[in-house]
PDB file of N, CA and C in Angstrom:
ATOM      1  N   MET A   1    -132.723-126.635  61.951  1.00  0.00           N
ATOM      2  CA  MET A   1    -131.743-125.853  62.682  1.00  0.00           C
ATOM      3  C   MET A   1    -130.980-124.983  61.694  1.00  0.00           C
ATOM      4  N   SER A   2    -130.795-123.740  62.052  1.00  0.00           N
ATOM      5  CA  SER A   2    -130.064-122.794  61.215  1.00  0.00           C
ATOM      6  C   SER A   2    -128.562-122.984  61.377  1.00  0.00           C
ATOM      7  N   ASP A   3    -127.793-122.658  60.345  1.00  0.00           N
ATOM      8  CA  ASP A   3    -126.342-122.733  60.426  1.00  0.00           C
ATOM      9  C   ASP A   3    -125.739-121.467  61.020  1.00  0.00           C
ATOM     10  N   ALA A   4    -126.553-120.447  61.290  1.00  0.00           N
ATOM     11  CA  ALA A   4    -126.053-119.182  61.830  1.00  0.00           C
ATOM     12  C   ALA A   4    -125.858-119.318  63.338  1.00  0.00           C
ATOM     13  N   TRP A   5    -124.633-119.104  63.795  1.00  0.00           N
ATOM     14  CA  TRP A   5    -124.341-119.191  65.221  1.00  0.00           C
ATOM     15  C   TRP A   5    -123.277-118.174  65.586  1.00  0.00           C
ATOM     16  N   VAL A   6    -123.210-117.882  66.886  1.00  0.00           N
ATOM     17  CA  VAL A   6    -122.163-117.029  67.429  1.00  0.00           C
ATOM     18  C   VAL A   6    -121.432-117.838  68.492  1.00  0.00           C
ATOM     19  N   ASP A   7    -120.245-117.380  68.928  1.00  0.00           N
ATOM     20  CA  ASP A   7    -119.522-118.170  69.914  1.00  0.00           C
ATOM     21  C   ASP A   7    -120.101-117.976  71.317  1.00  0.00           C
ATOM     22  N   GLY A   8    -119.664-118.810  72.234  1.00  0.00           N
ATOM     23  CA  GLY A   8    -120.209-118.856  73.583  1.00  0.00           C
ATOM     24  C   GLY A   8    -120.029-117.591  74.393  1.00  0.00           C
ATOM     25  N   ASN A   9    -119.201-116.674  73.939  1.00  0.00           N
ATOM     26  CA  ASN A   9    -119.052-115.404  74.645  1.00  0.00           C
ATOM     27  C   ASN A   9    -120.348-114.598  74.633  1.00  0.00           C
ATOM     28  N   GLU A  10    -121.260-114.931  73.735  1.00  0.00           N
ATOM     29  CA  GLU A  10    -122.582-114.305  73.680  1.00  0.00           C
ATOM     30  C   GLU A  10    -123.347-114.524  74.988  1.00  0.00           C
ATOM     31  N   LEU A  11    -122.974-115.569  75.729  1.00  0.00           N
ATOM     32  CA  LEU A  11    -123.660-115.915  76.973  1.00  0.00           C
ATOM     33  C   LEU A  11    -123.184-115.114  78.182  1.00  0.00           C
ATOM     34  N   ALA A  12    -122.131-114.322  78.047  1.00  0.00           N
ATOM     35  CA  ALA A  12    -121.508-113.647  79.194  1.00  0.00           C
ATOM     36  C   ALA A  12    -122.504-112.826  80.001  1.00  0.00           C
ATOM     37  N   GLY A  13    -123.294-112.004  79.345  1.00  0.00           N
ATOM     38  CA  GLY A  13    -124.215-111.126  80.063  1.00  0.00           C
ATOM     39  C   GLY A  13    -125.283-111.873  80.827  1.00  0.00           C
ATOM     40  N   VAL A  14    -125.965-112.793  80.144  1.00  0.00           N
ATOM     41  CA  VAL A  14    -127.058-113.515  80.797  1.00  0.00           C
ATOM     42  C   VAL A  14    -126.536-114.423  81.916  1.00  0.00           C
ATOM     43  N   LEU A  15    -125.377-115.057  81.721  1.00  0.00           N
ATOM     44  CA  LEU A  15    -124.834-115.904  82.780  1.00  0.00           C
ATOM     45  C   LEU A  15    -124.293-115.078  83.944  1.00  0.00           C
ATOM     46  N   ARG A  16    -123.827-113.868  83.685  1.00  0.00           N
ATOM     47  CA  ARG A  16    -123.369-112.981  84.753  1.00  0.00           C
ATOM     48  C   ARG A  16    -124.534-112.620  85.673  1.00  0.00           C
ATOM     49  N   GLU A  17    -125.739-112.554  85.111  1.00  0.00           N
ATOM     50  CA  GLU A  17    -126.917-112.273  85.929  1.00  0.00           C
ATOM     51  C   GLU A  17    -127.273-113.437  86.839  1.00  0.00           C
ATOM     52  N   ILE A  18    -126.916-114.653  86.427  1.00  0.00           N
ATOM     53  CA  ILE A  18    -127.244-115.851  87.204  1.00  0.00           C
ATOM     54  C   ILE A  18    -126.099-116.223  88.142  1.00  0.00           C
ATOM     55  N   PHE A  19    -124.880-116.201  87.624  1.00  0.00           N
ATOM     56  CA  PHE A  19    -123.705-116.572  88.397  1.00  0.00           C
ATOM     57  C   PHE A  19    -122.913-115.313  88.746  1.00  0.00           C
ATOM     58  N   THR A  20    -122.128-115.371  89.810  1.00  0.00           N
ATOM     59  CA  THR A  20    -121.381-114.185  90.249  1.00  0.00           C
ATOM     60  C   THR A  20    -120.011-114.079  89.610  1.00  0.00           C
ATOM     61  N   MET A  21    -119.668-114.975  88.724  1.00  0.00           N
ATOM     62  CA  MET A  21    -118.356-114.956  88.080  1.00  0.00           C
ATOM     63  C   MET A  21    -118.509-115.032  86.573  1.00  0.00           C
ATOM     64  N   ASP A  22    -117.437-114.776  85.857  1.00  0.00           N
ATOM     65  CA  ASP A  22    -117.448-114.888  84.396  1.00  0.00           C
ATOM     66  C   ASP A  22    -117.515-116.364  84.025  1.00  0.00           C
ATOM     67  N   MET A  23    -118.662-116.790  83.539  1.00  0.00           N
ATOM     68  CA  MET A  23    -118.877-118.203  83.239  1.00  0.00           C
ATOM     69  C   MET A  23    -118.292-118.626  81.895  1.00  0.00           C
ATOM     70  N   THR A  24    -117.846-117.684  81.056  1.00  0.00           N
ATOM     71  CA  THR A  24    -117.290-118.079  79.763  1.00  0.00           C
ATOM     72  C   THR A  24    -115.973-118.827  79.927  1.00  0.00           C
ATOM     73  N   THR A  25    -115.320-118.700  81.092  1.00  0.00           N
ATOM     74  CA  THR A  25    -114.068-119.424  81.333  1.00  0.00           C
ATOM     75  C   THR A  25    -114.296-120.762  82.039  1.00  0.00           C
ATOM     76  N   ALA A  26    -115.534-121.044  82.447  1.00  0.00           N
ATOM     77  CA  ALA A  26    -115.844-122.337  83.068  1.00  0.00           C
ATOM     78  C   ALA A  26    -115.661-123.438  82.032  1.00  0.00           C
ATOM     79  N   ARG A  27    -115.205-124.605  82.490  1.00  0.00           N
ATOM     80  CA  ARG A  27    -114.974-125.734  81.596  1.00  0.00           C
ATOM     81  C   ARG A  27    -116.064-126.779  81.810  1.00  0.00           C
ATOM     82  N   GLY A  28    -116.586-127.278  80.701  1.00  0.00           N
ATOM     83  CA  GLY A  28    -117.625-128.295  80.768  1.00  0.00           C
ATOM     84  C   GLY A  28    -117.273-129.482  79.891  1.00  0.00           C
ATOM     85  N   ARG A  29    -117.861-130.640  80.230  1.00  0.00           N
ATOM     86  CA  ARG A  29    -117.653-131.864  79.442  1.00  0.00           C
ATOM     87  C   ARG A  29    -118.959-132.247  78.774  1.00  0.00           C
ATOM     88  N   CYS A  30    -118.910-132.403  77.467  1.00  0.00           N
ATOM     89  CA  CYS A  30    -120.068-132.771  76.664  1.00  0.00           C
ATOM     90  C   CYS A  30    -120.507-134.196  76.999  1.00  0.00           C
ATOM     91  N   ALA A  31    -121.795-134.362  77.297  1.00  0.00           N
ATOM     92  CA  ALA A  31    -122.330-135.697  77.561  1.00  0.00           C
ATOM     93  C   ALA A  31    -122.377-136.539  76.295  1.00  0.00           C
ATOM     94  N   GLY A  32    -122.384-135.894  75.123  1.00  0.00           N
ATOM     95  CA  GLY A  32    -122.466-136.624  73.858  1.00  0.00           C
ATOM     96  C   GLY A  32    -121.156-137.235  73.416  1.00  0.00           C
ATOM     97  N   CYS A  33    -120.084-136.420  73.375  1.00  0.00           N
ATOM     98  CA  CYS A  33    -118.814-136.911  72.824  1.00  0.00           C
ATOM     99  C   CYS A  33    -117.669-136.919  73.840  1.00  0.00           C
ATOM    100  N   GLY A  34    -117.885-136.319  75.006  1.00  0.00           N
ATOM    101  CA  GLY A  34    -116.849-136.321  76.035  1.00  0.00           C
ATOM    102  C   GLY A  34    -115.837-135.190  75.912  1.00  0.00           C
ATOM    103  N   ARG A  35    -115.964-134.347  74.905  1.00  0.00           N
ATOM    104  CA  ARG A  35    -115.029-133.235  74.733  1.00  0.00           C
ATOM    105  C   ARG A  35    -115.155-132.269  75.903  1.00  0.00           C
ATOM    106  N   THR A  36    -114.028-131.771  76.386  1.00  0.00           N
ATOM    107  CA  THR A  36    -114.003-130.770  77.441  1.00  0.00           C
ATOM    108  C   THR A  36    -113.515-129.454  76.849  1.00  0.00           C
ATOM    109  N   GLY A  37    -114.211-128.377  77.160  1.00  0.00           N
ATOM    110  CA  GLY A  37    -113.822-127.059  76.676  1.00  0.00           C
ATOM    111  C   GLY A  37    -114.516-125.986  77.482  1.00  0.00           C
ATOM    112  N   THR A  38    -114.188-124.738  77.205  1.00  0.00           N
ATOM    113  CA  THR A  38    -114.790-123.636  77.946  1.00  0.00           C
ATOM    114  C   THR A  38    -116.147-123.266  77.359  1.00  0.00           C
ATOM    115  N   VAL A  39    -116.952-122.618  78.175  1.00  0.00           N
ATOM    116  CA  VAL A  39    -118.249-122.129  77.732  1.00  0.00           C
ATOM    117  C   VAL A  39    -118.061-121.163  76.567  1.00  0.00           C
ATOM    118  N   GLY A  40    -116.992-120.386  76.587  1.00  0.00           N
ATOM    119  CA  GLY A  40    -116.711-119.443  75.514  1.00  0.00           C
ATOM    120  C   GLY A  40    -116.448-120.094  74.172  1.00  0.00           C
ATOM    121  N   GLU A  41    -116.130-121.378  74.157  1.00  0.00           N
ATOM    122  CA  GLU A  41    -115.873-122.102  72.910  1.00  0.00           C
ATOM    123  C   GLU A  41    -117.137-122.692  72.287  1.00  0.00           C
ATOM    124  N   THR A  42    -118.246-122.664  73.018  1.00  0.00           N
ATOM    125  CA  THR A  42    -119.463-123.282  72.498  1.00  0.00           C
ATOM    126  C   THR A  42    -120.010-122.506  71.309  1.00  0.00           C
ATOM    127  N   ARG A  43    -120.861-123.148  70.556  1.00  0.00           N
ATOM    128  CA  ARG A  43    -121.572-122.489  69.458  1.00  0.00           C
ATOM    129  C   ARG A  43    -122.960-122.155  69.983  1.00  0.00           C
ATOM    130  N   VAL A  44    -123.280-120.894  69.991  1.00  0.00           N
ATOM    131  CA  VAL A  44    -124.539-120.437  70.576  1.00  0.00           C
ATOM    132  C   VAL A  44    -125.502-120.023  69.474  1.00  0.00           C
ATOM    133  N   TYR A  45    -126.673-120.616  69.511  1.00  0.00           N
ATOM    134  CA  TYR A  45    -127.733-120.287  68.572  1.00  0.00           C
ATOM    135  C   TYR A  45    -128.707-119.379  69.315  1.00  0.00           C
ATOM    136  N   ASP A  46    -128.875-118.165  68.795  1.00  0.00           N
ATOM    137  CA  ASP A  46    -129.647-117.151  69.512  1.00  0.00           C
ATOM    138  C   ASP A  46    -130.857-116.667  68.732  1.00  0.00           C
ATOM    139  N   HIS A  47    -131.394-117.482  67.841  1.00  0.00           N
ATOM    140  CA  HIS A  47    -132.536-117.081  67.018  1.00  0.00           C
ATOM    141  C   HIS A  47    -133.823-117.767  67.452  1.00  0.00           C
ATOM    142  N   ALA A  48    -133.940-118.069  68.732  1.00  0.00           N
ATOM    143  CA  ALA A  48    -135.141-118.716  69.259  1.00  0.00           C
ATOM    144  C   ALA A  48    -135.583-117.955  70.506  1.00  0.00           C
ATOM    145  N   ALA A  49    -136.431-118.557  71.291  1.00  0.00           N
ATOM    146  CA  ALA A  49    -136.923-117.912  72.510  1.00  0.00           C
ATOM    147  C   ALA A  49    -135.818-117.745  73.552  1.00  0.00           C
ATOM    148  N   GLY A  50    -134.762-118.515  73.433  1.00  0.00           N
ATOM    149  CA  GLY A  50    -133.645-118.429  74.365  1.00  0.00           C
ATOM    150  C   GLY A  50    -132.334-118.649  73.638  1.00  0.00           C
ATOM    151  N   LEU A  51    -131.306-118.974  74.407  1.00  0.00           N
ATOM    152  CA  LEU A  51    -129.983-119.256  73.855  1.00  0.00           C
ATOM    153  C   LEU A  51    -129.710-120.755  73.979  1.00  0.00           C
ATOM    154  N   VAL A  52    -129.199-121.353  72.916  1.00  0.00           N
ATOM    155  CA  VAL A  52    -128.874-122.782  72.906  1.00  0.00           C
ATOM    156  C   VAL A  52    -127.382-122.908  72.650  1.00  0.00           C
ATOM    157  N   ALA A  53    -126.653-123.473  73.601  1.00  0.00           N
ATOM    158  CA  ALA A  53    -125.205-123.678  73.470  1.00  0.00           C
ATOM    159  C   ALA A  53    -124.952-125.117  73.039  1.00  0.00           C
ATOM    160  N   ARG A  54    -124.238-125.263  71.929  1.00  0.00           N
ATOM    161  CA  ARG A  54    -123.942-126.595  71.375  1.00  0.00           C
ATOM    162  C   ARG A  54    -122.449-126.871  71.410  1.00  0.00           C
ATOM    163  N   CYS A  55    -122.108-128.135  71.493  1.00  0.00           N
ATOM    164  CA  CYS A  55    -120.718-128.581  71.462  1.00  0.00           C
ATOM    165  C   CYS A  55    -120.125-128.256  70.091  1.00  0.00           C
ATOM    166  N   PRO A  56    -118.955-127.611  70.052  1.00  0.00           N
ATOM    167  CA  PRO A  56    -118.357-127.296  68.749  1.00  0.00           C
ATOM    168  C   PRO A  56    -117.817-128.528  68.026  1.00  0.00           C
ATOM    169  N   HIS A  57    -117.733-129.659  68.726  1.00  0.00           N
ATOM    170  CA  HIS A  57    -117.206-130.896  68.126  1.00  0.00           C
ATOM    171  C   HIS A  57    -118.319-131.761  67.543  1.00  0.00           C
ATOM    172  N   CYS A  58    -119.347-132.070  68.367  1.00  0.00           N
ATOM    173  CA  CYS A  58    -120.390-132.998  67.901  1.00  0.00           C
ATOM    174  C   CYS A  58    -121.752-132.330  67.712  1.00  0.00           C
ATOM    175  N   GLU A  59    -121.880-131.059  68.057  1.00  0.00           N
ATOM    176  CA  GLU A  59    -123.099-130.270  67.918  1.00  0.00           C
ATOM    177  C   GLU A  59    -124.228-130.682  68.858  1.00  0.00           C
ATOM    178  N   ALA A  60    -123.945-131.487  69.885  1.00  0.00           N
ATOM    179  CA  ALA A  60    -124.964-131.829  70.879  1.00  0.00           C
ATOM    180  C   ALA A  60    -125.326-130.578  71.676  1.00  0.00           C
ATOM    181  N   VAL A  61    -126.581-130.487  72.115  1.00  0.00           N
ATOM    182  CA  VAL A  61    -126.990-129.378  72.973  1.00  0.00           C
ATOM    183  C   VAL A  61    -126.359-129.574  74.344  1.00  0.00           C
ATOM    184  N   LEU A  62    -125.565-128.593  74.779  1.00  0.00           N
ATOM    185  CA  LEU A  62    -124.932-128.639  76.096  1.00  0.00           C
ATOM    186  C   LEU A  62    -125.830-128.024  77.153  1.00  0.00           C
ATOM    187  N   PHE A  63    -126.327-126.830  76.870  1.00  0.00           N
ATOM    188  CA  PHE A  63    -127.257-126.192  77.794  1.00  0.00           C
ATOM    189  C   PHE A  63    -128.080-125.129  77.077  1.00  0.00           C
ATOM    190  N   THR A  64    -129.173-124.762  77.731  1.00  0.00           N
ATOM    191  CA  THR A  64    -130.049-123.718  77.214  1.00  0.00           C
ATOM    192  C   THR A  64    -130.306-122.698  78.316  1.00  0.00           C
ATOM    193  N   VAL A  65    -130.508-121.461  77.895  1.00  0.00           N
ATOM    194  CA  VAL A  65    -130.856-120.371  78.807  1.00  0.00           C
ATOM    195  C   VAL A  65    -132.052-119.634  78.208  1.00  0.00           C
ATOM    196  N   VAL A  66    -133.110-119.528  78.989  1.00  0.00           N
ATOM    197  CA  VAL A  66    -134.297-118.787  78.573  1.00  0.00           C
ATOM    198  C   VAL A  66    -134.572-117.733  79.630  1.00  0.00           C
ATOM    199  N   ARG A  67    -134.726-116.487  79.193  1.00  0.00           N
ATOM    200  CA  ARG A  67    -134.988-115.366  80.100  1.00  0.00           C
ATOM    201  C   ARG A  67    -136.468-115.017  80.076  1.00  0.00           C
ATOM    202  N   ALA A  68    -136.987-114.731  81.253  1.00  0.00           N
ATOM    203  CA  ALA A  68    -138.325-114.166  81.424  1.00  0.00           C
ATOM    204  C   ALA A  68    -138.122-112.849  82.170  1.00  0.00           C
ATOM    205  N   PRO A  69    -139.142-112.015  82.273  1.00  0.00           N
ATOM    206  CA  PRO A  69    -138.935-110.717  82.923  1.00  0.00           C
ATOM    207  C   PRO A  69    -138.361-110.803  84.343  1.00  0.00           C
ATOM    208  N   ASP A  70    -138.755-111.791  85.104  1.00  0.00           N
ATOM    209  CA  ASP A  70    -138.323-111.842  86.501  1.00  0.00           C
ATOM    210  C   ASP A  70    -137.564-113.110  86.877  1.00  0.00           C
ATOM    211  N   ARG A  71    -137.116-113.884  85.883  1.00  0.00           N
ATOM    212  CA  ARG A  71    -136.405-115.137  86.189  1.00  0.00           C
ATOM    213  C   ARG A  71    -135.670-115.650  84.961  1.00  0.00           C
ATOM    214  N   ALA A  72    -134.813-116.618  85.183  1.00  0.00           N
ATOM    215  CA  ALA A  72    -134.096-117.277  84.093  1.00  0.00           C
ATOM    216  C   ALA A  72    -134.240-118.783  84.266  1.00  0.00           C
ATOM    217  N   PHE A  73    -134.314-119.481  83.156  1.00  0.00           N
ATOM    218  CA  PHE A  73    -134.405-120.938  83.150  1.00  0.00           C
ATOM    219  C   PHE A  73    -133.134-121.472  82.509  1.00  0.00           C
ATOM    220  N   LEU A  74    -132.394-122.284  83.236  1.00  0.00           N
ATOM    221  CA  LEU A  74    -131.120-122.810  82.769  1.00  0.00           C
ATOM    222  C   LEU A  74    -131.168-124.328  82.820  1.00  0.00           C
ATOM    223  N   SER A  75    -130.957-124.963  81.675  1.00  0.00           N
ATOM    224  CA  SER A  75    -130.890-126.419  81.598  1.00  0.00           C
ATOM    225  C   SER A  75    -129.467-126.806  81.213  1.00  0.00           C
ATOM    226  N   LEU A  76    -128.836-127.622  82.031  1.00  0.00           N
ATOM    227  CA  LEU A  76    -127.464-128.084  81.776  1.00  0.00           C
ATOM    228  C   LEU A  76    -127.453-129.561  81.390  1.00  0.00           C
ATOM    229  N   SER A  77    -128.517-130.029  80.781  1.00  0.00           N
ATOM    230  CA  SER A  77    -128.698-131.459  80.530  1.00  0.00           C
ATOM    231  C   SER A  77    -127.644-132.099  79.636  1.00  0.00           C
ATOM    232  N   GLY A  78    -126.944-131.329  78.818  1.00  0.00           N
ATOM    233  CA  GLY A  78    -125.940-131.896  77.919  1.00  0.00           C
ATOM    234  C   GLY A  78    -124.527-131.884  78.469  1.00  0.00           C
ATOM    235  N   LEU A  79    -124.370-131.476  79.730  1.00  0.00           N
ATOM    236  CA  LEU A  79    -123.043-131.445  80.360  1.00  0.00           C
ATOM    237  C   LEU A  79    -122.956-132.518  81.431  1.00  0.00           C
ATOM    238  N   THR A  80    -121.834-133.225  81.479  1.00  0.00           N
ATOM    239  CA  THR A  80    -121.633-134.179  82.564  1.00  0.00           C
ATOM    240  C   THR A  80    -120.988-133.514  83.763  1.00  0.00           C
ATOM    241  N   VAL A  81    -120.295-132.397  83.531  1.00  0.00           N
ATOM    242  CA  VAL A  81    -119.668-131.650  84.618  1.00  0.00           C
ATOM    243  C   VAL A  81    -119.446-130.216  84.140  1.00  0.00           C
ATOM    244  N   LEU A  82    -119.491-129.277  85.070  1.00  0.00           N
ATOM    245  CA  LEU A  82    -119.172-127.887  84.787  1.00  0.00           C
ATOM    246  C   LEU A  82    -118.205-127.424  85.875  1.00  0.00           C
ATOM    247  N   GLU A  83    -116.975-127.137  85.474  1.00  0.00           N
ATOM    248  CA  GLU A  83    -115.898-126.762  86.404  1.00  0.00           C
ATOM    249  C   GLU A  83    -115.712-125.251  86.382  1.00  0.00           C
ATOM    250  N   MET A  84    -115.786-124.629  87.574  1.00  0.00           N
ATOM    251  CA  MET A  84    -115.640-123.178  87.690  1.00  0.00           C
ATOM    252  C   MET A  84    -114.544-122.858  88.688  1.00  0.00           C
ATOM    253  N   ALA A  85    -113.704-121.908  88.342  1.00  0.00           N
ATOM    254  CA  ALA A  85    -112.675-121.441  89.273  1.00  0.00           C
ATOM    255  C   ALA A  85    -113.343-120.541  90.306  1.00  0.00           C
ATOM    256  N   ILE A  86    -113.059-120.772  91.570  1.00  0.00           N
ATOM    257  CA  ILE A  86    -113.590-119.962  92.657  1.00  0.00           C
ATOM    258  C   ILE A  86    -112.515-118.987  93.096  1.00  0.00           C
ATOM    259  N   PRO A  87    -112.809-117.692  93.051  1.00  0.00           N
ATOM    260  CA  PRO A  87    -111.802-116.720  93.508  1.00  0.00           C
ATOM    261  C   PRO A  87    -111.485-116.921  94.985  1.00  0.00           C
ATOM    262  N   SER A  88    -110.220-116.787  95.331  1.00  0.00           N
ATOM    263  CA  SER A  88    -109.833-116.951  96.725  1.00  0.00           C
ATOM    264  C   SER A  88    -110.358-115.776  97.542  1.00  0.00           C
ATOM    265  N   ALA A  89    -110.671-116.031  98.800  1.00  0.00           N
ATOM    266  CA  ALA A  89    -111.220-115.003  99.693  1.00  0.00           C
ATOM    267  C   ALA A  89    -110.102-114.368 100.507  1.00  0.00           C
ATOM    268  N   GLU A  90    -109.074-113.865  99.847  1.00  0.00           N
ATOM    269  CA  GLU A  90    -107.948-113.253 100.548  1.00  0.00           C
ATOM    270  C   GLU A  90    -108.113-111.774 100.642  1.00  0.00           C
TER     271      GLU A  90
END
């Protein structure tokens, strides 16, 4: 594994294509250490076929995103919960 990483804000564009809201403000809990933080706080490794988001505390893989021309593959296996604010329909 390389030590070169960028912060979770790197995921904004690809997650915007999948979700209808800014996912960098969503809060998730690491299945490895229990730390809760925003997607924007994750350490994202972008030198592979996809993006790998790791916990900034214990470095466990939280989720991966792989893009293909007509679809995206999202694995959230390292999160126990992902909390998203829903805009009110007023």
